[in-house]
Amino acid sequence: QVQLVESGGGLVQAGGSLRLSCAASGSMYSIDSMGWYRRPPGKERELVATITTGGSTNYADSVKGRFTISRDNAKNTVNLQMNSLKPEDTAVYYCNVRGRYVLGFGDFWGQGTQVTVSS
């Protein structure tokens, strides 16, 4: 019943920009936080950025000053504006939503979208 729909991935050159979007739909009672994680080639999934219901944000040190996370509570949407992209940003990016749904508390993940940055 809970579904995350992601968009915005693609191929860009170093120094370029991309904007990722994720919309949550289904049987959610409330959403506590939304965020983005990524899995670079050969590495484990890592935090990129999160944003809470109150608007508090948290960024990985590697993206501070370059990425900006935002959310639209009315649309249950979270966005990630990525500027000054570097080859090391290449990864599969995953949307994450935390909150309450019909069966209790849940931690939900999108299917992932590929971001590739060429040098």
PDB file of N, CA and C in Angstrom:
ATOM      1  N   GLN A   1       0.810  -1.213   0.000  1.00  0.00           N
ATOM      2  CA  GLN A   1       0.000   0.000   0.000  1.00  0.00           C
ATOM      3  C   GLN A   1       0.848   1.269   0.000  1.00  0.00           C
ATOM      4  N   VAL A   2       1.998   1.246   0.672  1.00  0.00           N
ATOM      5  CA  VAL A   2       2.894   2.397   0.687  1.00  0.00           C
ATOM      6  C   VAL A   2       3.855   2.276  -0.488  1.00  0.00           C
ATOM      7  N   GLN A   3       3.921   3.318  -1.287  1.00  0.00           N
ATOM      8  CA  GLN A   3       4.740   3.311  -2.489  1.00  0.00           C
ATOM      9  C   GLN A   3       5.531   4.605  -2.598  1.00  0.00           C
ATOM     10  N   LEU A   4       6.803   4.496  -2.982  1.00  0.00           N
ATOM     11  CA  LEU A   4       7.665   5.642  -3.210  1.00  0.00           C
ATOM     12  C   LEU A   4       8.020   5.684  -4.687  1.00  0.00           C
ATOM     13  N   VAL A   5       7.734   6.807  -5.335  1.00  0.00           N
ATOM     14  CA  VAL A   5       8.000   6.982  -6.754  1.00  0.00           C
ATOM     15  C   VAL A   5       9.101   8.016  -6.917  1.00  0.00           C
ATOM     16  N   GLU A   6      10.236   7.597  -7.494  1.00  0.00           N
ATOM     17  CA  GLU A   6      11.399   8.445  -7.650  1.00  0.00           C
ATOM     18  C   GLU A   6      11.568   8.871  -9.103  1.00  0.00           C
ATOM     19  N   SER A   7      12.196  10.031  -9.295  1.00  0.00           N
ATOM     20  CA  SER A   7      12.485  10.529 -10.629  1.00  0.00           C
ATOM     21  C   SER A   7      13.662  11.495 -10.572  1.00  0.00           C
ATOM     22  N   GLY A   8      14.280  11.751 -11.718  1.00  0.00           N
ATOM     23  CA  GLY A   8      15.309  12.772 -11.822  1.00  0.00           C
ATOM     24  C   GLY A   8      16.726  12.283 -12.014  1.00  0.00           C
ATOM     25  N   GLY A   9      16.964  10.979 -11.926  1.00  0.00           N
ATOM     26  CA  GLY A   9      18.308  10.465 -12.131  1.00  0.00           C
ATOM     27  C   GLY A   9      18.742  10.592 -13.578  1.00  0.00           C
ATOM     28  N   GLY A  10      20.042  10.416 -13.806  1.00  0.00           N
ATOM     29  CA  GLY A  10      20.548  10.507 -15.163  1.00  0.00           C
ATOM     30  C   GLY A  10      22.053  10.609 -15.214  1.00  0.00           C
ATOM     31  N   LEU A  11      22.550  10.970 -16.392  1.00  0.00           N
ATOM     32  CA  LEU A  11      23.977  11.101 -16.669  1.00  0.00           C
ATOM     33  C   LEU A  11      24.317  12.567 -16.883  1.00  0.00           C
ATOM     34  N   VAL A  12      25.307  13.073 -16.144  1.00  0.00           N
ATOM     35  CA  VAL A  12      25.755  14.452 -16.279  1.00  0.00           C
ATOM     36  C   VAL A  12      27.272  14.508 -16.219  1.00  0.00           C
ATOM     37  N   GLN A  13      27.840  15.607 -16.721  1.00  0.00           N
ATOM     38  CA  GLN A  13      29.267  15.834 -16.614  1.00  0.00           C
ATOM     39  C   GLN A  13      29.609  16.468 -15.273  1.00  0.00           C
ATOM     40  N   ALA A  14      30.848  16.303 -14.840  1.00  0.00           N
ATOM     41  CA  ALA A  14      31.304  16.918 -13.603  1.00  0.00           C
ATOM     42  C   ALA A  14      31.036  18.418 -13.618  1.00  0.00           C
ATOM     43  N   GLY A  15      30.533  18.929 -12.492  1.00  0.00           N
ATOM     44  CA  GLY A  15      30.173  20.327 -12.396  1.00  0.00           C
ATOM     45  C   GLY A  15      28.725  20.613 -12.713  1.00  0.00           C
ATOM     46  N   GLY A  16      28.013  19.635 -13.232  1.00  0.00           N
ATOM     47  CA  GLY A  16      26.617  19.806 -13.583  1.00  0.00           C
ATOM     48  C   GLY A  16      25.691  19.623 -12.402  1.00  0.00           C
ATOM     49  N   SER A  17      24.384  19.662 -12.689  1.00  0.00           N
ATOM     50  CA  SER A  17      23.362  19.582 -11.651  1.00  0.00           C
ATOM     51  C   SER A  17      22.264  18.599 -12.025  1.00  0.00           C
ATOM     52  N   LEU A  18      21.654  18.018 -11.008  1.00  0.00           N
ATOM     53  CA  LEU A  18      20.477  17.180 -11.150  1.00  0.00           C
ATOM     54  C   LEU A  18      19.545  17.449  -9.976  1.00  0.00           C
ATOM     55  N   ARG A  19      18.258  17.206 -10.181  1.00  0.00           N
ATOM     56  CA  ARG A  19      17.271  17.333  -9.122  1.00  0.00           C
ATOM     57  C   ARG A  19      16.484  16.036  -9.024  1.00  0.00           C
ATOM     58  N   LEU A  20      16.565  15.375  -7.871  1.00  0.00           N
ATOM     59  CA  LEU A  20      15.839  14.148  -7.616  1.00  0.00           C
ATOM     60  C   LEU A  20      14.549  14.456  -6.858  1.00  0.00           C
ATOM     61  N   SER A  21      13.495  13.720  -7.180  1.00  0.00           N
ATOM     62  CA  SER A  21      12.221  13.877  -6.500  1.00  0.00           C
ATOM     63  C   SER A  21      11.684  12.517  -6.093  1.00  0.00           C
ATOM     64  N   CYS A  22      10.948  12.483  -4.985  1.00  0.00           N
ATOM     65  CA  CYS A  22      10.347  11.255  -4.486  1.00  0.00           C
ATOM     66  C   CYS A  22       9.004  11.590  -3.868  1.00  0.00           C
ATOM     67  N   ALA A  23       7.964  10.908  -4.309  1.00  0.00           N
ATOM     68  CA  ALA A  23       6.619  11.110  -3.793  1.00  0.00           C
ATOM     69  C   ALA A  23       6.135   9.849  -3.089  1.00  0.00           C
ATOM     70  N   ALA A  24       5.655  10.009  -1.865  1.00  0.00           N
ATOM     71  CA  ALA A  24       5.124   8.898  -1.084  1.00  0.00           C
ATOM     72  C   ALA A  24       3.610   8.868  -1.209  1.00  0.00           C
ATOM     73  N   SER A  25       3.068   7.678  -1.430  1.00  0.00           N
ATOM     74  CA  SER A  25       1.627   7.518  -1.532  1.00  0.00           C
ATOM     75  C   SER A  25       1.208   6.209  -0.887  1.00  0.00           C
ATOM     76  N   GLY A  26      -0.081   6.101  -0.563  1.00  0.00           N
ATOM     77  CA  GLY A  26      -0.611   4.895   0.038  1.00  0.00           C
ATOM     78  C   GLY A  26      -1.166   5.138   1.427  1.00  0.00           C
ATOM     79  N   SER A  27      -1.168   4.092   2.234  1.00  0.00           N
ATOM     80  CA  SER A  27      -1.826   4.109   3.539  1.00  0.00           C
ATOM     81  C   SER A  27      -0.913   4.628   4.647  1.00  0.00           C
ATOM     82  N   MET A  28      -0.404   5.844   4.479  1.00  0.00           N
ATOM     83  CA  MET A  28       0.406   6.489   5.510  1.00  0.00           C
ATOM     84  C   MET A  28      -0.486   7.337   6.403  1.00  0.00           C
ATOM     85  N   TYR A  29      -0.370   7.139   7.720  1.00  0.00           N
ATOM     86  CA  TYR A  29      -1.071   7.990   8.680  1.00  0.00           C
ATOM     87  C   TYR A  29      -0.321   9.293   8.908  1.00  0.00           C
ATOM     88  N   SER A  30       0.993   9.199   9.017  1.00  0.00           N
ATOM     89  CA  SER A  30       1.829  10.368   9.195  1.00  0.00           C
ATOM     90  C   SER A  30       3.254  10.030   8.781  1.00  0.00           C
ATOM     91  N   ILE A  31       3.982  11.038   8.341  1.00  0.00           N
ATOM     92  CA  ILE A  31       5.375  10.888   7.950  1.00  0.00           C
ATOM     93  C   ILE A  31       6.242  11.698   8.904  1.00  0.00           C
ATOM     94  N   ASP A  32       7.197  11.032   9.546  1.00  0.00           N
ATOM     95  CA  ASP A  32       8.071  11.701  10.506  1.00  0.00           C
ATOM     96  C   ASP A  32       9.286  12.324   9.827  1.00  0.00           C
ATOM     97  N   SER A  33       9.838  11.610   8.852  1.00  0.00           N
ATOM     98  CA  SER A  33      11.020  12.117   8.170  1.00  0.00           C
ATOM     99  C   SER A  33      11.114  11.522   6.777  1.00  0.00           C
ATOM    100  N   MET A  34      11.838  12.216   5.910  1.00  0.00           N
ATOM    101  CA  MET A  34      12.105  11.748   4.562  1.00  0.00           C
ATOM    102  C   MET A  34      13.571  12.032   4.260  1.00  0.00           C
ATOM    103  N   GLY A  35      14.141  11.250   3.362  1.00  0.00           N
ATOM    104  CA  GLY A  35      15.538  11.485   3.064  1.00  0.00           C
ATOM    105  C   GLY A  35      16.030  10.726   1.860  1.00  0.00           C
ATOM    106  N   TRP A  36      17.325  10.902   1.602  1.00  0.00           N
ATOM    107  CA  TRP A  36      18.004  10.258   0.492  1.00  0.00           C
ATOM    108  C   TRP A  36      19.258   9.558   0.990  1.00  0.00           C
ATOM    109  N   TYR A  37      19.464   8.355   0.500  1.00  0.00           N
ATOM    110  CA  TYR A  37      20.669   7.576   0.739  1.00  0.00           C
ATOM    111  C   TYR A  37      21.230   7.160  -0.615  1.00  0.00           C
ATOM    112  N   ARG A  38      22.484   6.720  -0.642  1.00  0.00           N
ATOM    113  CA  ARG A  38      23.067   6.288  -1.899  1.00  0.00           C
ATOM    114  C   ARG A  38      24.029   5.129  -1.682  1.00  0.00           C
ATOM    115  N   ARG A  39      24.220   4.335  -2.734  1.00  0.00           N
ATOM    116  CA  ARG A  39      25.163   3.232  -2.709  1.00  0.00           C
ATOM    117  C   ARG A  39      26.137   3.407  -3.875  1.00  0.00           C
ATOM    118  N   PRO A  40      27.356   3.894  -3.599  1.00  0.00           N
ATOM    119  CA  PRO A  40      28.366   3.994  -4.654  1.00  0.00           C
ATOM    120  C   PRO A  40      28.832   2.613  -5.077  1.00  0.00           C
ATOM    121  N   PRO A  41      29.434   2.491  -6.265  1.00  0.00           N
ATOM    122  CA  PRO A  41      29.931   1.188  -6.716  1.00  0.00           C
ATOM    123  C   PRO A  41      30.918   0.593  -5.719  1.00  0.00           C
ATOM    124  N   GLY A  42      30.690  -0.648  -5.316  1.00  0.00           N
ATOM    125  CA  GLY A  42      31.594  -1.336  -4.422  1.00  0.00           C
ATOM    126  C   GLY A  42      31.510  -0.938  -2.966  1.00  0.00           C
ATOM    127  N   LYS A  43      30.539  -0.108  -2.599  1.00  0.00           N
ATOM    128  CA  LYS A  43      30.407   0.347  -1.222  1.00  0.00           C
ATOM    129  C   LYS A  43      29.009   0.061  -0.674  1.00  0.00           C
ATOM    130  N   GLU A  44      28.868   0.213   0.639  1.00  0.00           N
ATOM    131  CA  GLU A  44      27.575   0.053   1.286  1.00  0.00           C
ATOM    132  C   GLU A  44      26.755   1.326   1.161  1.00  0.00           C
ATOM    133  N   ARG A  45      25.449   1.203   1.373  1.00  0.00           N
ATOM    134  CA  ARG A  45      24.574   2.353   1.324  1.00  0.00           C
ATOM    135  C   ARG A  45      24.942   3.348   2.424  1.00  0.00           C
ATOM    136  N   GLU A  46      24.903   4.633   2.099  1.00  0.00           N
ATOM    137  CA  GLU A  46      25.294   5.682   3.026  1.00  0.00           C
ATOM    138  C   GLU A  46      24.285   6.826   3.008  1.00  0.00           C
ATOM    139  N   LEU A  47      24.248   7.554   4.104  1.00  0.00           N
ATOM    140  CA  LEU A  47      23.368   8.716   4.223  1.00  0.00           C
ATOM    141  C   LEU A  47      23.811   9.829   3.284  1.00  0.00           C
ATOM    142  N   VAL A  48      22.853  10.465   2.623  1.00  0.00           N
ATOM    143  CA  VAL A  48      23.104  11.684   1.866  1.00  0.00           C
ATOM    144  C   VAL A  48      22.517  12.876   2.614  1.00  0.00           C
ATOM    145  N   ALA A  49      21.203  12.848   2.864  1.00  0.00           N
ATOM    146  CA  ALA A  49      20.536  13.933   3.566  1.00  0.00           C
ATOM    147  C   ALA A  49      19.175  13.473   4.053  1.00  0.00           C
ATOM    148  N   THR A  50      18.729  14.025   5.180  1.00  0.00           N
ATOM    149  CA  THR A  50      17.394  13.761   5.708  1.00  0.00           C
ATOM    150  C   THR A  50      16.751  15.068   6.142  1.00  0.00           C
ATOM    151  N   ILE A  51      15.419  15.056   6.213  1.00  0.00           N
ATOM    152  CA  ILE A  51      14.671  16.204   6.700  1.00  0.00           C
ATOM    153  C   ILE A  51      13.503  15.693   7.526  1.00  0.00           C
ATOM    154  N   THR A  52      13.296  16.272   8.716  1.00  0.00           N
ATOM    155  CA  THR A  52      12.252  15.844   9.631  1.00  0.00           C
ATOM    156  C   THR A  52      10.978  16.650   9.422  1.00  0.00           C
ATOM    157  N   THR A  53       9.919  16.235  10.137  1.00  0.00           N
ATOM    158  CA  THR A  53       8.643  16.949  10.078  1.00  0.00           C
ATOM    159  C   THR A  53       8.815  18.412  10.460  1.00  0.00           C
ATOM    160  N   GLY A  54       9.661  18.678  11.451  1.00  0.00           N
ATOM    161  CA  GLY A  54       9.899  20.036  11.896  1.00  0.00           C
ATOM    162  C   GLY A  54      10.816  20.843  11.005  1.00  0.00           C
ATOM    163  N   GLY A  55      11.357  20.228   9.957  1.00  0.00           N
ATOM    164  CA  GLY A  55      12.206  20.940   9.028  1.00  0.00           C
ATOM    165  C   GLY A  55      13.695  20.849   9.318  1.00  0.00           C
ATOM    166  N   SER A  56      14.085  20.090  10.334  1.00  0.00           N
ATOM    167  CA  SER A  56      15.500  19.922  10.631  1.00  0.00           C
ATOM    168  C   SER A  56      16.162  19.063   9.564  1.00  0.00           C
ATOM    169  N   THR A  57      17.342  19.467   9.125  1.00  0.00           N
ATOM    170  CA  THR A  57      18.059  18.748   8.071  1.00  0.00           C
ATOM    171  C   THR A  57      19.374  18.198   8.582  1.00  0.00           C
ATOM    172  N   ASN A  58      19.828  17.143   7.930  1.00  0.00           N
ATOM    173  CA  ASN A  58      21.102  16.519   8.240  1.00  0.00           C
ATOM    174  C   ASN A  58      21.757  16.109   6.930  1.00  0.00           C
ATOM    175  N   TYR A  59      23.022  16.499   6.737  1.00  0.00           N
ATOM    176  CA  TYR A  59      23.743  16.203   5.506  1.00  0.00           C
ATOM    177  C   TYR A  59      25.024  15.450   5.794  1.00  0.00           C
ATOM    178  N   ALA A  60      25.377  14.564   4.876  1.00  0.00           N
ATOM    179  CA  ALA A  60      26.703  13.971   4.921  1.00  0.00           C
ATOM    180  C   ALA A  60      27.745  15.053   4.653  1.00  0.00           C
ATOM    181  N   ASP A  61      28.897  14.949   5.306  1.00  0.00           N
ATOM    182  CA  ASP A  61      29.942  15.950   5.125  1.00  0.00           C
ATOM    183  C   ASP A  61      30.356  16.091   3.662  1.00  0.00           C
ATOM    184  N   SER A  62      30.315  15.013   2.917  1.00  0.00           N
ATOM    185  CA  SER A  62      30.770  15.017   1.541  1.00  0.00           C
ATOM    186  C   SER A  62      29.878  15.823   0.598  1.00  0.00           C
ATOM    187  N   VAL A  63      28.643  16.137   1.018  1.00  0.00           N
ATOM    188  CA  VAL A  63      27.716  16.861   0.140  1.00  0.00           C
ATOM    189  C   VAL A  63      27.338  18.229   0.675  1.00  0.00           C
ATOM    190  N   LYS A  64      27.783  18.592   1.874  1.00  0.00           N
ATOM    191  CA  LYS A  64      27.446  19.891   2.447  1.00  0.00           C
ATOM    192  C   LYS A  64      27.925  21.020   1.540  1.00  0.00           C
ATOM    193  N   GLY A  65      27.051  21.996   1.321  1.00  0.00           N
ATOM    194  CA  GLY A  65      27.375  23.115   0.466  1.00  0.00           C
ATOM    195  C   GLY A  65      27.092  22.879  -0.995  1.00  0.00           C
ATOM    196  N   ARG A  66      26.806  21.635  -1.378  1.00  0.00           N
ATOM    197  CA  ARG A  66      26.521  21.306  -2.771  1.00  0.00           C
ATOM    198  C   ARG A  66      25.098  20.780  -2.974  1.00  0.00           C
ATOM    199  N   PHE A  67      24.600  20.008  -2.014  1.00  0.00           N
ATOM    200  CA  PHE A  67      23.261  19.417  -2.110  1.00  0.00           C
ATOM    201  C   PHE A  67      22.309  20.124  -1.161  1.00  0.00           C
ATOM    202  N   THR A  68      21.038  20.207  -1.542  1.00  0.00           N
ATOM    203  CA  THR A  68      20.006  20.793  -0.703  1.00  0.00           C
ATOM    204  C   THR A  68      18.781  19.888  -0.706  1.00  0.00           C
ATOM    205  N   ILE A  69      18.318  19.494   0.486  1.00  0.00           N
ATOM    206  CA  ILE A  69      17.124  18.677   0.610  1.00  0.00           C
ATOM    207  C   ILE A  69      15.946  19.558   1.005  1.00  0.00           C
ATOM    208  N   SER A  70      14.773  19.261   0.471  1.00  0.00           N
ATOM    209  CA  SER A  70      13.563  19.995   0.803  1.00  0.00           C
ATOM    210  C   SER A  70      12.371  19.056   0.726  1.00  0.00           C
ATOM    211  N   ARG A  71      11.254  19.460   1.319  1.00  0.00           N
ATOM    212  CA  ARG A  71      10.057  18.629   1.279  1.00  0.00           C
ATOM    213  C   ARG A  71       8.810  19.485   1.117  1.00  0.00           C
ATOM    214  N   ASP A  72       7.800  18.896   0.516  1.00  0.00           N
ATOM    215  CA  ASP A  72       6.491  19.505   0.381  1.00  0.00           C
ATOM    216  C   ASP A  72       5.528  18.613   1.153  1.00  0.00           C
ATOM    217  N   ASN A  73       5.163  19.028   2.359  1.00  0.00           N
ATOM    218  CA  ASN A  73       4.327  18.193   3.224  1.00  0.00           C
ATOM    219  C   ASN A  73       2.945  17.926   2.626  1.00  0.00           C
ATOM    220  N   ALA A  74       2.406  18.897   1.919  1.00  0.00           N
ATOM    221  CA  ALA A  74       1.083  18.728   1.329  1.00  0.00           C
ATOM    222  C   ALA A  74       1.075  17.639   0.271  1.00  0.00           C
ATOM    223  N   LYS A  75       2.179  17.475  -0.435  1.00  0.00           N
ATOM    224  CA  LYS A  75       2.278  16.482  -1.494  1.00  0.00           C
ATOM    225  C   LYS A  75       3.045  15.230  -1.074  1.00  0.00           C
ATOM    226  N   ASN A  76       3.516  15.181   0.180  1.00  0.00           N
ATOM    227  CA  ASN A  76       4.339  14.069   0.663  1.00  0.00           C
ATOM    228  C   ASN A  76       5.507  13.803  -0.280  1.00  0.00           C
ATOM    229  N   THR A  77       6.192  14.871  -0.647  1.00  0.00           N
ATOM    230  CA  THR A  77       7.280  14.800  -1.606  1.00  0.00           C
ATOM    231  C   THR A  77       8.574  15.315  -0.985  1.00  0.00           C
ATOM    232  N   VAL A  78       9.679  14.653  -1.285  1.00  0.00           N
ATOM    233  CA  VAL A  78      10.995  15.106  -0.870  1.00  0.00           C
ATOM    234  C   VAL A  78      11.850  15.274  -2.120  1.00  0.00           C
ATOM    235  N   ASN A  79      12.655  16.345  -2.143  1.00  0.00           N
ATOM    236  CA  ASN A  79      13.497  16.656  -3.281  1.00  0.00           C
ATOM    237  C   ASN A  79      14.953  16.765  -2.848  1.00  0.00           C
ATOM    238  N   LEU A  80      15.848  16.523  -3.780  1.00  0.00           N
ATOM    239  CA  LEU A  80      17.273  16.685  -3.544  1.00  0.00           C
ATOM    240  C   LEU A  80      17.872  17.419  -4.731  1.00  0.00           C
ATOM    241  N   GLN A  81      18.250  18.678  -4.512  1.00  0.00           N
ATOM    242  CA  GLN A  81      18.931  19.462  -5.528  1.00  0.00           C
ATOM    243  C   GLN A  81      20.420  19.216  -5.404  1.00  0.00           C
ATOM    244  N   MET A  82      21.043  18.711  -6.453  1.00  0.00           N
ATOM    245  CA  MET A  82      22.453  18.355  -6.446  1.00  0.00           C
ATOM    246  C   MET A  82      23.196  19.257  -7.423  1.00  0.00           C
ATOM    247  N   ASN A  83      24.084  20.092  -6.897  1.00  0.00           N
ATOM    248  CA  ASN A  83      24.886  21.001  -7.698  1.00  0.00           C
ATOM    249  C   ASN A  83      26.359  20.647  -7.589  1.00  0.00           C
ATOM    250  N   SER A  84      27.154  21.169  -8.523  1.00  0.00           N
ATOM    251  CA  SER A  84      28.597  20.938  -8.533  1.00  0.00           C
ATOM    252  C   SER A  84      28.925  19.457  -8.386  1.00  0.00           C
ATOM    253  N   LEU A  85      28.265  18.642  -9.174  1.00  0.00           N
ATOM    254  CA  LEU A  85      28.420  17.197  -9.056  1.00  0.00           C
ATOM    255  C   LEU A  85      29.839  16.749  -9.404  1.00  0.00           C
ATOM    256  N   LYS A  86      30.292  15.741  -8.681  1.00  0.00           N
ATOM    257  CA  LYS A  86      31.619  15.175  -8.849  1.00  0.00           C
ATOM    258  C   LYS A  86      31.506  13.704  -9.253  1.00  0.00           C
ATOM    259  N   PRO A  87      32.528  13.158  -9.900  1.00  0.00           N
ATOM    260  CA  PRO A  87      32.476  11.731 -10.258  1.00  0.00           C
ATOM    261  C   PRO A  87      32.217  10.827  -9.053  1.00  0.00           C
ATOM    262  N   GLU A  88      32.716  11.192  -7.876  1.00  0.00           N
ATOM    263  CA  GLU A  88      32.495  10.380  -6.687  1.00  0.00           C
ATOM    264  C   GLU A  88      31.054  10.408  -6.188  1.00  0.00           C
ATOM    265  N   ASP A  89      30.211  11.267  -6.763  1.00  0.00           N
ATOM    266  CA  ASP A  89      28.785  11.260  -6.456  1.00  0.00           C
ATOM    267  C   ASP A  89      28.044  10.159  -7.214  1.00  0.00           C
ATOM    268  N   THR A  90      28.707   9.516  -8.146  1.00  0.00           N
ATOM    269  CA  THR A  90      28.090   8.435  -8.909  1.00  0.00           C
ATOM    270  C   THR A  90      27.630   7.328  -7.974  1.00  0.00           C
ATOM    271  N   ALA A  91      26.346   6.983  -8.045  1.00  0.00           N
ATOM    272  CA  ALA A  91      25.775   5.985  -7.152  1.00  0.00           C
ATOM    273  C   ALA A  91      24.326   5.739  -7.528  1.00  0.00           C
ATOM    274  N   VAL A  92      23.752   4.699  -6.934  1.00  0.00           N
ATOM    275  CA  VAL A  92      22.312   4.518  -6.958  1.00  0.00           C
ATOM    276  C   VAL A  92      21.746   5.252  -5.758  1.00  0.00           C
ATOM    277  N   TYR A  93      20.816   6.164  -5.992  1.00  0.00           N
ATOM    278  CA  TYR A  93      20.224   6.971  -4.935  1.00  0.00           C
ATOM    279  C   TYR A  93      18.856   6.419  -4.555  1.00  0.00           C
ATOM    280  N   TYR A  94      18.621   6.282  -3.241  1.00  0.00           N
ATOM    281  CA  TYR A  94      17.396   5.695  -2.716  1.00  0.00           C
ATOM    282  C   TYR A  94      16.623   6.701  -1.877  1.00  0.00           C
ATOM    283  N   CYS A  95      15.339   6.803  -2.126  1.00  0.00           N
ATOM    284  CA  CYS A  95      14.449   7.595  -1.296  1.00  0.00           C
ATOM    285  C   CYS A  95      14.047   6.792  -0.062  1.00  0.00           C
ATOM    286  N   ASN A  96      13.965   7.453   1.092  1.00  0.00           N
ATOM    287  CA  ASN A  96      13.569   6.815   2.341  1.00  0.00           C
ATOM    288  C   ASN A  96      12.479   7.630   3.024  1.00  0.00           C
ATOM    289  N   VAL A  97      11.457   6.937   3.533  1.00  0.00           N
ATOM    290  CA  VAL A  97      10.371   7.573   4.268  1.00  0.00           C
ATOM    291  C   VAL A  97      10.140   6.810   5.560  1.00  0.00           C
ATOM    292  N   ARG A  98      10.036   7.534   6.665  1.00  0.00           N
ATOM    293  CA  ARG A  98       9.791   6.961   7.987  1.00  0.00           C
ATOM    294  C   ARG A  98       8.509   7.543   8.548  1.00  0.00           C
ATOM    295  N   GLY A  99       7.625   6.655   9.039  1.00  0.00           N
ATOM    296  CA  GLY A  99       6.384   7.145   9.606  1.00  0.00           C
ATOM    297  C   GLY A  99       5.438   6.026   9.995  1.00  0.00           C
ATOM    298  N   ARG A 100       4.203   6.407  10.293  1.00  0.00           N
ATOM    299  CA  ARG A 100       3.188   5.453  10.713  1.00  0.00           C
ATOM    300  C   ARG A 100       2.242   5.139   9.559  1.00  0.00           C
ATOM    301  N   TYR A 101       1.901   3.872   9.424  1.00  0.00           N
ATOM    302  CA  TYR A 101       0.915   3.445   8.449  1.00  0.00           C
ATOM    303  C   TYR A 101      -0.057   2.475   9.104  1.00  0.00           C
ATOM    304  N   VAL A 102      -0.911   1.836   8.323  1.00  0.00           N
ATOM    305  CA  VAL A 102      -2.021   1.062   8.870  1.00  0.00           C
ATOM    306  C   VAL A 102      -1.560  -0.054   9.808  1.00  0.00           C
ATOM    307  N   LEU A 103      -0.395  -0.621   9.587  1.00  0.00           N
ATOM    308  CA  LEU A 103       0.092  -1.737  10.400  1.00  0.00           C
ATOM    309  C   LEU A 103       1.040  -1.306  11.511  1.00  0.00           C
ATOM    310  N   GLY A 104       1.303  -0.014  11.637  1.00  0.00           N
ATOM    311  CA  GLY A 104       2.185   0.468  12.674  1.00  0.00           C
ATOM    312  C   GLY A 104       3.244   1.398  12.126  1.00  0.00           C
ATOM    313  N   PHE A 105       4.438   1.338  12.716  1.00  0.00           N
ATOM    314  CA  PHE A 105       5.553   2.161  12.277  1.00  0.00           C
ATOM    315  C   PHE A 105       6.296   1.462  11.152  1.00  0.00           C
ATOM    316  N   GLY A 106       6.677   2.246  10.142  1.00  0.00           N
ATOM    317  CA  GLY A 106       7.363   1.675   9.002  1.00  0.00           C
ATOM    318  C   GLY A 106       8.545   2.498   8.540  1.00  0.00           C
ATOM    319  N   ASP A 107       9.491   1.834   7.899  1.00  0.00           N
ATOM    320  CA  ASP A 107      10.671   2.439   7.304  1.00  0.00           C
ATOM    321  C   ASP A 107      10.698   1.967   5.850  1.00  0.00           C
ATOM    322  N   PHE A 108      10.366   2.860   4.920  1.00  0.00           N
ATOM    323  CA  PHE A 108      10.126   2.482   3.537  1.00  0.00           C
ATOM    324  C   PHE A 108      11.213   3.005   2.610  1.00  0.00           C
ATOM    325  N   TRP A 109      11.468   2.251   1.553  1.00  0.00           N
ATOM    326  CA  TRP A 109      12.526   2.569   0.600  1.00  0.00           C
ATOM    327  C   TRP A 109      12.012   2.532  -0.824  1.00  0.00           C
ATOM    328  N   GLY A 110      12.537   3.449  -1.649  1.00  0.00           N
ATOM    329  CA  GLY A 110      12.257   3.412  -3.064  1.00  0.00           C
ATOM    330  C   GLY A 110      13.116   2.385  -3.767  1.00  0.00           C
ATOM    331  N   GLN A 111      12.887   2.229  -5.064  1.00  0.00           N
ATOM    332  CA  GLN A 111      13.601   1.209  -5.828  1.00  0.00           C
ATOM    333  C   GLN A 111      15.017   1.632  -6.203  1.00  0.00           C
ATOM    334  N   GLY A 112      15.318   2.916  -6.095  1.00  0.00           N
ATOM    335  CA  GLY A 112      16.622   3.442  -6.446  1.00  0.00           C
ATOM    336  C   GLY A 112      16.643   4.030  -7.843  1.00  0.00           C
ATOM    337  N   THR A 113      17.412   5.100  -8.019  1.00  0.00           N
ATOM    338  CA  THR A 113      17.588   5.725  -9.320  1.00  0.00           C
ATOM    339  C   THR A 113      19.069   6.015  -9.536  1.00  0.00           C
ATOM    340  N   GLN A 114      19.563   5.718 -10.729  1.00  0.00           N
ATOM    341  CA  GLN A 114      20.984   5.827 -11.024  1.00  0.00           C
ATOM    342  C   GLN A 114      21.385   7.268 -11.322  1.00  0.00           C
ATOM    343  N   VAL A 115      22.452   7.724 -10.674  1.00  0.00           N
ATOM    344  CA  VAL A 115      23.085   9.003 -10.975  1.00  0.00           C
ATOM    345  C   VAL A 115      24.519   8.718 -11.383  1.00  0.00           C
ATOM    346  N   THR A 116      24.897   9.141 -12.584  1.00  0.00           N
ATOM    347  CA  THR A 116      26.245   8.925 -13.086  1.00  0.00           C
ATOM    348  C   THR A 116      26.864  10.265 -13.461  1.00  0.00           C
ATOM    349  N   VAL A 117      28.043  10.549 -12.913  1.00  0.00           N
ATOM    350  CA  VAL A 117      28.746  11.798 -13.170  1.00  0.00           C
ATOM    351  C   VAL A 117      30.056  11.470 -13.872  1.00  0.00           C
ATOM    352  N   SER A 118      30.232  11.952 -15.089  1.00  0.00           N
ATOM    353  CA  SER A 118      31.429  11.680 -15.868  1.00  0.00           C
ATOM    354  C   SER A 118      32.485  12.746 -15.613  1.00  0.00           C
ATOM    355  N   SER A 119      33.753  12.362 -15.730  1.00  0.00           N
ATOM    356  CA  SER A 119      34.859  13.280 -15.510  1.00  0.00           C
ATOM    357  C   SER A 119      35.267  13.985 -16.791  1.00  0.00           C
TER     358      SER A 119
END
